[in-house]
Amino acid sequence: MLKIWGRTNSVNVKKALWCAEELGLKYERIDAGMAHGVVNTPEYRKMNPTGLVPTIDDDGFQLWESHTIVRYLCAKHSAGKFWPTDLKQRADAERWMDWAFTFQGAMRNVFWGLIRTPPEQRDHKAIAEGCARSAQLVAMLEGVLANKPYVAGSAFTMGDIPIGCEVQRWMRVPIERASFPNVEAWFGRLRERPNFVRIVDQPLT
């Protein structure tokens, strides 16, 4: 059985979990990271030398890096659907998967500052800069989604999974946001997927 190490409030772990749920896979999740520990044990570091989450074990094949995990699972279980077999469409999906880390970097100080840092310790300048940069990036996504319902075309693919998880945090942090109708409509389509709501669109902690 597929095993997934990671805590449920990690945005990167959510990517792997949401992907597994969309694929209908049976898996065992094992708490790891932050308060759960585990990641600094010799056994875990042997699987994943970075000490980060998630890590998977798929019948003896161990893999880390969340977006690589999503690619692997979709290629194995959903070729032609979530993992496009058309080379150009797949490259388009992978582009947005890679770009999701750019968005994560812009949101890092916003999320950590407002969700995981006590009010008296917050760096308001860093939070404001992160908000401004995140809005610039959402504007890019807004333009792309003006012409298609999902990031890689007319159907949901692996490309929507990482950036969907990242945008969920932007949507739910307590900040003022400009209106981006295309992004909001896309996010609404993601929320029509029960697995997204159950795994990803939960209160931020």
Foldseek 3Di string as FASTA:
>chain_A
DKEKEEDLQDLLSLLLQLLCVVLVHDYHYHYDDDPVHPLPDPVNCVLPVVSDDIWMQDPNDIDDDSLVSSQVVCVVRPDCAQQDPPPVLNVQLVVLLVCLVVLCVLCVLLQCQQPVDPVVPHDVVSNVSSLVVNLVVVVVVLVCLVVELARSHPHHHSSCRSNLLSVLSVVQGPDDHDDRPSVVSSNVVLVVDVSCCVRRNDHRD
